[in-house]
């Protein structure tokens, strides 16, 4: 098992660095798995940049990529102060975890956006679950939220 952990400032160019790390860490994996993992880490870090807050214990964001023969795991942490964004995140993650058909949730969200473009995208978690094949979970220890994406290594 290999673990790669990074603390990063809230700056977009660090997402590219994380994608590069995924490609290197999964050099022996299929292109599909590398692409899915790179997309997942990008989406999670983008969410951390968009919705996260600097807090004394975590002024930026952090991520951990764990690669084993059986599984890929991504943990992204960021500060969060407001209750509403946390509850929205939990609701989305819980809905995907409970869904037998993740693609149906993804299509439903796309339809919502088509019908109301002002509602904003917020497709990243759906992409991770549907396109990337990752299972999602989140946890909260004030003021830090952690979103975890796991996928069997095939």
N, C-alpha and C. Protein backbone atom coordinates (compact mmCIF):
# COMPACT_ATOMS: atom_id res chain seq x y z
N UNK A 1 0.84 -1.17 0.00
CA UNK A 1 0.00 0.00 0.00
C UNK A 1 0.89 1.24 0.00
N UNK A 2 0.50 2.23 -0.80
CA UNK A 2 1.20 3.50 -0.85
C UNK A 2 0.23 4.61 -0.51
N UNK A 3 0.71 5.56 0.28
CA UNK A 3 -0.11 6.70 0.68
C UNK A 3 0.63 7.98 0.33
N UNK A 4 -0.08 8.88 -0.29
CA UNK A 4 0.45 10.18 -0.67
C UNK A 4 -0.43 11.23 0.00
N UNK A 5 0.14 12.09 0.80
CA UNK A 5 -0.63 13.10 1.52
C UNK A 5 -0.04 14.48 1.24
N UNK A 6 -0.93 15.43 1.01
CA UNK A 6 -0.50 16.79 0.71
C UNK A 6 -1.44 17.79 1.38
N UNK A 7 -0.85 18.83 1.97
CA UNK A 7 -1.60 20.01 2.37
C UNK A 7 -1.39 21.02 1.26
N UNK A 8 -2.47 21.67 0.84
CA UNK A 8 -2.34 22.62 -0.27
C UNK A 8 -3.04 23.93 0.07
N UNK A 9 -2.51 25.04 -0.44
CA UNK A 9 -3.22 26.32 -0.29
C UNK A 9 -4.46 26.31 -1.18
N UNK A 10 -5.36 27.21 -0.92
CA UNK A 10 -6.57 27.33 -1.72
C UNK A 10 -6.22 28.04 -3.04
N UNK A 11 -5.52 27.32 -3.89
CA UNK A 11 -5.10 27.85 -5.20
C UNK A 11 -5.32 26.76 -6.24
N UNK A 12 -5.96 27.14 -7.33
CA UNK A 12 -6.43 26.18 -8.33
C UNK A 12 -5.33 25.35 -8.97
N UNK A 13 -4.14 25.91 -9.13
CA UNK A 13 -3.09 25.16 -9.85
C UNK A 13 -2.66 23.90 -9.10
N UNK A 14 -2.96 23.80 -7.83
CA UNK A 14 -2.60 22.60 -7.07
C UNK A 14 -3.44 21.40 -7.49
N UNK A 15 -4.56 21.65 -8.11
CA UNK A 15 -5.39 20.55 -8.61
C UNK A 15 -4.65 19.82 -9.73
N UNK A 16 -3.99 20.56 -10.58
CA UNK A 16 -3.19 19.95 -11.66
C UNK A 16 -2.07 19.07 -11.08
N UNK A 17 -1.45 19.56 -10.00
CA UNK A 17 -0.40 18.77 -9.34
C UNK A 17 -0.96 17.45 -8.79
N UNK A 18 -2.17 17.50 -8.24
CA UNK A 18 -2.80 16.29 -7.71
C UNK A 18 -3.09 15.30 -8.83
N UNK A 19 -3.54 15.80 -9.97
CA UNK A 19 -3.80 14.93 -11.13
C UNK A 19 -2.50 14.26 -11.58
N UNK A 20 -1.42 15.00 -11.60
CA UNK A 20 -0.12 14.45 -11.98
C UNK A 20 0.30 13.36 -11.01
N UNK A 21 0.08 13.59 -9.73
CA UNK A 21 0.40 12.59 -8.71
C UNK A 21 -0.39 11.30 -8.95
N UNK A 22 -1.67 11.42 -9.29
CA UNK A 22 -2.50 10.25 -9.57
C UNK A 22 -1.92 9.45 -10.73
N UNK A 23 -1.56 10.14 -11.80
CA UNK A 23 -1.01 9.45 -12.98
C UNK A 23 0.26 8.69 -12.61
N UNK A 24 1.11 9.32 -11.80
CA UNK A 24 2.35 8.66 -11.38
C UNK A 24 2.07 7.50 -10.43
N UNK A 25 1.17 7.71 -9.46
CA UNK A 25 0.88 6.67 -8.46
C UNK A 25 0.19 5.46 -9.07
N UNK A 26 -0.54 5.67 -10.16
CA UNK A 26 -1.28 4.58 -10.81
C UNK A 26 -0.69 4.23 -12.17
N UNK A 27 0.60 4.40 -12.29
CA UNK A 27 1.27 4.14 -13.58
C UNK A 27 1.03 2.72 -14.07
N UNK A 28 0.88 1.77 -13.15
CA UNK A 28 0.69 0.37 -13.55
C UNK A 28 -0.78 -0.01 -13.72
N UNK A 29 -1.68 0.94 -13.52
CA UNK A 29 -3.12 0.66 -13.61
C UNK A 29 -3.63 0.94 -15.03
N UNK A 30 -4.85 0.54 -15.27
CA UNK A 30 -5.46 0.80 -16.58
C UNK A 30 -5.69 2.30 -16.76
N UNK A 31 -5.74 2.72 -18.00
CA UNK A 31 -6.00 4.13 -18.30
C UNK A 31 -7.36 4.55 -17.74
N UNK A 32 -8.34 3.66 -17.78
CA UNK A 32 -9.67 3.98 -17.25
C UNK A 32 -9.61 4.28 -15.75
N UNK A 33 -8.86 3.47 -15.00
CA UNK A 33 -8.75 3.69 -13.56
C UNK A 33 -7.99 4.98 -13.27
N UNK A 34 -6.92 5.22 -14.00
CA UNK A 34 -6.16 6.47 -13.82
C UNK A 34 -7.04 7.68 -14.11
N UNK A 35 -7.77 7.63 -15.23
CA UNK A 35 -8.63 8.75 -15.60
C UNK A 35 -9.73 8.98 -14.57
N UNK A 36 -10.37 7.90 -14.11
CA UNK A 36 -11.44 8.02 -13.12
C UNK A 36 -10.91 8.61 -11.81
N UNK A 37 -9.73 8.17 -11.39
CA UNK A 37 -9.16 8.66 -10.15
C UNK A 37 -8.72 10.11 -10.28
N UNK A 38 -8.14 10.47 -11.41
CA UNK A 38 -7.74 11.86 -11.64
C UNK A 38 -8.97 12.77 -11.65
N UNK A 39 -10.04 12.32 -12.28
CA UNK A 39 -11.28 13.10 -12.28
C UNK A 39 -11.81 13.25 -10.87
N UNK A 40 -11.83 12.16 -10.10
CA UNK A 40 -12.37 12.19 -8.74
C UNK A 40 -11.58 13.15 -7.84
N UNK A 41 -10.26 13.07 -7.89
CA UNK A 41 -9.47 13.95 -7.03
C UNK A 41 -9.63 15.40 -7.46
N UNK A 42 -9.75 15.63 -8.77
CA UNK A 42 -9.96 16.99 -9.26
C UNK A 42 -11.28 17.55 -8.78
N UNK A 43 -12.34 16.78 -8.91
CA UNK A 43 -13.67 17.24 -8.49
C UNK A 43 -13.70 17.52 -6.99
N UNK A 44 -13.12 16.63 -6.20
CA UNK A 44 -13.12 16.83 -4.75
C UNK A 44 -12.32 18.07 -4.36
N UNK A 45 -11.17 18.27 -5.00
CA UNK A 45 -10.37 19.46 -4.68
C UNK A 45 -11.05 20.74 -5.18
N UNK A 46 -11.70 20.67 -6.34
CA UNK A 46 -12.45 21.84 -6.81
C UNK A 46 -13.53 22.22 -5.80
N UNK A 47 -14.23 21.22 -5.26
CA UNK A 47 -15.24 21.50 -4.24
C UNK A 47 -14.61 22.13 -3.00
N UNK A 48 -13.46 21.62 -2.60
CA UNK A 48 -12.76 22.20 -1.45
C UNK A 48 -12.41 23.66 -1.71
N UNK A 49 -11.97 23.97 -2.92
CA UNK A 49 -11.61 25.35 -3.27
C UNK A 49 -12.86 26.25 -3.33
N UNK A 50 -13.93 25.75 -3.93
CA UNK A 50 -15.15 26.56 -4.10
C UNK A 50 -15.89 26.78 -2.79
N UNK A 51 -16.03 25.74 -2.00
CA UNK A 51 -16.93 25.79 -0.85
C UNK A 51 -16.22 25.77 0.50
N UNK A 52 -14.92 25.50 0.48
CA UNK A 52 -14.18 25.43 1.74
C UNK A 52 -13.83 26.80 2.27
N UNK A 53 -13.46 26.80 3.53
CA UNK A 53 -13.06 28.03 4.21
C UNK A 53 -11.73 27.78 4.92
N UNK A 54 -10.96 28.82 5.00
CA UNK A 54 -9.72 28.75 5.77
C UNK A 54 -10.10 28.76 7.26
N UNK A 55 -9.58 27.80 7.98
CA UNK A 55 -9.80 27.74 9.43
C UNK A 55 -8.43 27.60 10.09
N UNK A 56 -8.31 27.97 11.35
CA UNK A 56 -6.98 27.94 11.98
C UNK A 56 -6.27 26.59 11.89
N UNK A 57 -7.00 25.50 12.01
CA UNK A 57 -6.36 24.19 11.97
C UNK A 57 -6.10 23.68 10.56
N UNK A 58 -6.72 24.33 9.56
CA UNK A 58 -6.51 23.93 8.17
C UNK A 58 -6.75 25.16 7.28
N UNK A 59 -5.69 25.96 7.07
CA UNK A 59 -5.87 27.19 6.31
C UNK A 59 -6.15 26.96 4.81
N UNK A 60 -5.81 25.80 4.31
CA UNK A 60 -6.08 25.48 2.91
C UNK A 60 -6.94 24.25 2.83
N UNK A 61 -6.49 23.29 2.08
CA UNK A 61 -7.17 22.00 1.99
C UNK A 61 -6.08 20.93 2.12
N UNK A 62 -6.50 19.70 2.27
CA UNK A 62 -5.53 18.61 2.26
C UNK A 62 -6.15 17.42 1.57
N UNK A 63 -5.28 16.60 1.01
CA UNK A 63 -5.78 15.37 0.41
C UNK A 63 -4.81 14.24 0.68
N UNK A 64 -5.39 13.05 0.71
CA UNK A 64 -4.60 11.83 0.85
C UNK A 64 -5.08 10.87 -0.22
N UNK A 65 -4.15 10.33 -0.97
CA UNK A 65 -4.42 9.30 -1.97
C UNK A 65 -3.78 8.03 -1.46
N UNK A 66 -4.59 7.00 -1.27
CA UNK A 66 -4.09 5.71 -0.81
C UNK A 66 -4.35 4.68 -1.90
N UNK A 67 -3.28 4.02 -2.32
CA UNK A 67 -3.36 3.03 -3.40
C UNK A 67 -2.90 1.69 -2.86
N UNK A 68 -3.79 0.71 -2.93
CA UNK A 68 -3.41 -0.66 -2.56
C UNK A 68 -3.74 -1.57 -3.73
N UNK A 69 -3.41 -2.83 -3.60
CA UNK A 69 -3.74 -3.79 -4.65
C UNK A 69 -5.24 -3.98 -4.78
N UNK A 70 -5.99 -3.69 -3.71
CA UNK A 70 -7.43 -3.91 -3.71
C UNK A 70 -8.27 -2.65 -3.93
N UNK A 71 -7.74 -1.48 -3.56
CA UNK A 71 -8.59 -0.29 -3.49
C UNK A 71 -7.83 1.00 -3.75
N UNK A 72 -8.58 1.98 -4.26
CA UNK A 72 -8.12 3.36 -4.35
C UNK A 72 -8.97 4.16 -3.37
N UNK A 73 -8.32 5.01 -2.58
CA UNK A 73 -9.06 5.83 -1.64
C UNK A 73 -8.53 7.26 -1.71
N UNK A 74 -9.46 8.20 -1.78
CA UNK A 74 -9.12 9.62 -1.78
C UNK A 74 -9.85 10.26 -0.62
N UNK A 75 -9.11 10.98 0.22
CA UNK A 75 -9.71 11.76 1.31
C UNK A 75 -9.34 13.22 1.07
N UNK A 76 -10.34 14.09 1.01
CA UNK A 76 -10.10 15.52 0.87
C UNK A 76 -10.73 16.22 2.06
N UNK A 77 -9.93 17.07 2.70
CA UNK A 77 -10.38 17.80 3.88
C UNK A 77 -10.32 19.29 3.61
N UNK A 78 -11.31 20.00 4.15
CA UNK A 78 -11.30 21.46 4.11
C UNK A 78 -12.13 21.99 5.26
N UNK A 79 -11.88 23.23 5.60
CA UNK A 79 -12.67 23.87 6.64
C UNK A 79 -14.04 24.24 6.11
N UNK A 80 -15.01 24.26 7.03
CA UNK A 80 -16.37 24.65 6.66
C UNK A 80 -16.98 25.31 7.89
N UNK A 81 -17.63 26.43 7.67
CA UNK A 81 -18.19 27.16 8.81
C UNK A 81 -19.70 27.16 8.85
N UNK A 82 -20.32 27.20 7.69
CA UNK A 82 -21.77 27.32 7.64
C UNK A 82 -22.43 25.94 7.67
N UNK A 83 -23.57 25.88 8.29
CA UNK A 83 -24.30 24.63 8.43
C UNK A 83 -24.96 24.20 7.11
N UNK A 84 -25.52 25.15 6.37
CA UNK A 84 -26.27 24.79 5.16
C UNK A 84 -25.43 24.06 4.12
N UNK A 85 -24.23 24.54 3.77
CA UNK A 85 -23.43 23.78 2.79
C UNK A 85 -23.07 22.38 3.28
N UNK A 86 -22.82 22.23 4.56
CA UNK A 86 -22.50 20.92 5.13
C UNK A 86 -23.70 19.99 5.00
N UNK A 87 -24.88 20.48 5.31
CA UNK A 87 -26.08 19.66 5.20
C UNK A 87 -26.38 19.28 3.75
N UNK A 88 -26.14 20.20 2.82
CA UNK A 88 -26.33 19.90 1.39
C UNK A 88 -25.36 18.81 0.95
N UNK A 89 -24.12 18.92 1.38
CA UNK A 89 -23.11 17.91 1.06
C UNK A 89 -23.53 16.55 1.61
N UNK A 90 -23.89 16.52 2.87
CA UNK A 90 -24.31 15.26 3.49
C UNK A 90 -25.51 14.66 2.77
N UNK A 91 -26.48 15.49 2.40
CA UNK A 91 -27.67 14.99 1.72
C UNK A 91 -27.31 14.36 0.37
N UNK A 92 -26.43 15.01 -0.38
CA UNK A 92 -26.02 14.46 -1.68
C UNK A 92 -25.25 13.14 -1.51
N UNK A 93 -24.32 13.13 -0.59
CA UNK A 93 -23.51 11.93 -0.37
C UNK A 93 -24.39 10.79 0.13
N UNK A 94 -25.28 11.07 1.07
CA UNK A 94 -26.17 10.04 1.59
C UNK A 94 -27.10 9.49 0.51
N UNK A 95 -27.60 10.38 -0.35
CA UNK A 95 -28.50 9.94 -1.43
C UNK A 95 -27.77 9.01 -2.38
N UNK A 96 -26.53 9.34 -2.71
CA UNK A 96 -25.76 8.48 -3.62
C UNK A 96 -25.39 7.16 -2.96
N UNK A 97 -25.09 7.21 -1.68
CA UNK A 97 -24.74 5.97 -0.97
C UNK A 97 -25.94 5.02 -0.91
N UNK A 98 -27.14 5.57 -0.80
CA UNK A 98 -28.34 4.75 -0.69
C UNK A 98 -28.91 4.32 -2.05
N UNK A 99 -28.48 5.00 -3.11
CA UNK A 99 -29.07 4.75 -4.43
C UNK A 99 -28.59 3.44 -5.03
N UNK A 100 -29.53 2.68 -5.53
CA UNK A 100 -29.17 1.48 -6.29
C UNK A 100 -28.74 1.86 -7.70
N UNK A 101 -29.27 2.99 -8.20
CA UNK A 101 -28.98 3.44 -9.56
C UNK A 101 -28.41 4.86 -9.50
N UNK A 102 -27.08 4.94 -9.37
CA UNK A 102 -26.42 6.24 -9.28
C UNK A 102 -26.58 7.05 -10.56
N UNK A 103 -26.64 6.36 -11.68
CA UNK A 103 -26.82 7.05 -12.96
C UNK A 103 -28.15 7.80 -13.00
N UNK A 104 -29.18 7.23 -12.41
CA UNK A 104 -30.48 7.91 -12.38
C UNK A 104 -30.39 9.21 -11.60
N UNK A 105 -29.65 9.22 -10.49
CA UNK A 105 -29.46 10.46 -9.73
C UNK A 105 -28.70 11.49 -10.55
N UNK A 106 -27.69 11.04 -11.26
CA UNK A 106 -26.89 11.93 -12.11
C UNK A 106 -27.77 12.55 -13.20
N UNK A 107 -28.57 11.75 -13.85
CA UNK A 107 -29.45 12.24 -14.91
C UNK A 107 -30.50 13.19 -14.33
N UNK A 108 -31.01 12.86 -13.16
CA UNK A 108 -31.99 13.73 -12.49
C UNK A 108 -31.37 15.10 -12.21
N UNK A 109 -30.12 15.10 -11.74
CA UNK A 109 -29.44 16.38 -11.46
C UNK A 109 -29.20 17.15 -12.75
N UNK A 110 -28.81 16.47 -13.81
CA UNK A 110 -28.63 17.15 -15.10
C UNK A 110 -29.94 17.79 -15.56
N UNK A 111 -31.04 17.07 -15.37
CA UNK A 111 -32.36 17.59 -15.75
C UNK A 111 -32.71 18.83 -14.94
N UNK A 112 -32.41 18.80 -13.64
CA UNK A 112 -32.66 19.97 -12.78
C UNK A 112 -31.90 21.18 -13.29
N UNK A 113 -30.66 20.98 -13.68
CA UNK A 113 -29.83 22.08 -14.17
C UNK A 113 -30.37 22.61 -15.50
N UNK A 114 -30.81 21.69 -16.37
CA UNK A 114 -31.39 22.13 -17.65
C UNK A 114 -32.65 22.96 -17.42
N UNK A 115 -33.46 22.56 -16.46
CA UNK A 115 -34.70 23.27 -16.19
C UNK A 115 -34.48 24.57 -15.42
N UNK A 116 -33.40 24.65 -14.66
CA UNK A 116 -33.11 25.84 -13.87
C UNK A 116 -31.61 26.09 -13.85
N UNK A 117 -31.08 26.68 -14.93
CA UNK A 117 -29.63 26.92 -15.01
C UNK A 117 -29.07 27.77 -13.87
N UNK A 118 -29.90 28.62 -13.28
CA UNK A 118 -29.44 29.47 -12.18
C UNK A 118 -29.13 28.66 -10.93
N UNK A 119 -29.60 27.43 -10.88
CA UNK A 119 -29.36 26.58 -9.71
C UNK A 119 -27.90 26.19 -9.57
N UNK A 120 -27.11 26.40 -10.61
CA UNK A 120 -25.69 26.07 -10.55
C UNK A 120 -25.43 24.62 -10.87
N UNK A 121 -24.18 24.33 -11.19
CA UNK A 121 -23.81 22.99 -11.61
C UNK A 121 -23.89 21.95 -10.52
N UNK A 122 -22.94 21.98 -9.61
CA UNK A 122 -22.87 21.00 -8.52
C UNK A 122 -23.06 19.57 -9.01
N UNK A 123 -22.28 19.24 -10.02
CA UNK A 123 -22.33 17.89 -10.61
C UNK A 123 -21.17 17.01 -10.18
N UNK A 124 -20.16 17.59 -9.57
CA UNK A 124 -18.93 16.86 -9.30
C UNK A 124 -19.11 15.56 -8.54
N UNK A 125 -19.87 15.59 -7.46
CA UNK A 125 -20.06 14.37 -6.67
C UNK A 125 -20.79 13.30 -7.48
N UNK A 126 -21.73 13.74 -8.30
CA UNK A 126 -22.46 12.79 -9.14
C UNK A 126 -21.52 12.16 -10.17
N UNK A 127 -20.64 12.97 -10.74
CA UNK A 127 -19.66 12.46 -11.71
C UNK A 127 -18.75 11.43 -11.05
N UNK A 128 -18.28 11.73 -9.84
CA UNK A 128 -17.39 10.83 -9.13
C UNK A 128 -18.05 9.47 -8.93
N UNK A 129 -19.31 9.50 -8.51
CA UNK A 129 -20.03 8.25 -8.24
C UNK A 129 -20.44 7.53 -9.52
N UNK A 130 -20.99 8.27 -10.47
CA UNK A 130 -21.53 7.64 -11.68
C UNK A 130 -20.45 7.33 -12.71
N UNK A 131 -19.74 8.34 -13.13
CA UNK A 131 -18.72 8.16 -14.16
C UNK A 131 -17.47 7.47 -13.62
N UNK A 132 -17.09 7.83 -12.39
CA UNK A 132 -15.85 7.30 -11.83
C UNK A 132 -16.00 5.97 -11.12
N UNK A 133 -17.22 5.61 -10.75
CA UNK A 133 -17.43 4.34 -10.06
C UNK A 133 -16.97 4.33 -8.61
N UNK A 134 -16.86 5.50 -8.00
CA UNK A 134 -16.42 5.60 -6.62
C UNK A 134 -17.62 5.63 -5.68
N UNK A 135 -17.44 5.07 -4.50
CA UNK A 135 -18.40 5.23 -3.41
C UNK A 135 -17.96 6.44 -2.61
N UNK A 136 -18.93 7.21 -2.15
CA UNK A 136 -18.63 8.44 -1.42
C UNK A 136 -19.11 8.36 0.02
N UNK A 137 -18.39 9.04 0.88
CA UNK A 137 -18.78 9.20 2.28
C UNK A 137 -18.27 10.56 2.74
N UNK A 138 -18.87 11.08 3.78
CA UNK A 138 -18.33 12.31 4.35
C UNK A 138 -18.45 12.25 5.87
N UNK A 139 -17.55 12.96 6.51
CA UNK A 139 -17.56 13.05 7.97
C UNK A 139 -17.23 14.49 8.35
N UNK A 140 -17.57 14.82 9.56
CA UNK A 140 -17.37 16.20 10.02
C UNK A 140 -16.90 16.20 11.46
N UNK A 141 -15.76 16.84 11.66
CA UNK A 141 -15.25 17.14 13.00
C UNK A 141 -14.95 18.62 13.00
N UNK A 142 -15.86 19.38 13.60
CA UNK A 142 -15.81 20.84 13.52
C UNK A 142 -14.40 21.37 13.71
N UNK A 143 -13.97 22.23 12.82
CA UNK A 143 -14.65 22.78 11.66
C UNK A 143 -14.21 22.14 10.33
N UNK A 144 -13.79 20.88 10.37
CA UNK A 144 -13.22 20.22 9.19
C UNK A 144 -14.20 19.18 8.64
N UNK A 145 -14.45 19.25 7.35
CA UNK A 145 -15.25 18.22 6.66
C UNK A 145 -14.28 17.38 5.83
N UNK A 146 -14.51 16.08 5.82
CA UNK A 146 -13.72 15.15 5.01
C UNK A 146 -14.66 14.43 4.07
N UNK A 147 -14.34 14.47 2.78
CA UNK A 147 -15.08 13.70 1.80
C UNK A 147 -14.15 12.59 1.32
N UNK A 148 -14.67 11.37 1.36
CA UNK A 148 -13.89 10.19 1.01
C UNK A 148 -14.51 9.51 -0.20
N UNK A 149 -13.67 9.19 -1.16
CA UNK A 149 -14.08 8.45 -2.36
C UNK A 149 -13.28 7.16 -2.40
N UNK A 150 -13.96 6.02 -2.51
CA UNK A 150 -13.27 4.73 -2.58
C UNK A 150 -13.78 3.94 -3.77
N UNK A 151 -12.86 3.17 -4.32
CA UNK A 151 -13.21 2.33 -5.48
C UNK A 151 -12.32 1.09 -5.47
N UNK A 152 -12.94 -0.03 -5.75
CA UNK A 152 -12.15 -1.25 -5.88
C UNK A 152 -11.20 -1.08 -7.05
N UNK A 153 -10.02 -1.61 -6.89
CA UNK A 153 -9.03 -1.53 -7.96
C UNK A 153 -9.22 -2.70 -8.90
N UNK A 154 -9.67 -2.40 -10.08
CA UNK A 154 -9.95 -3.44 -11.07
C UNK A 154 -8.94 -3.38 -12.19
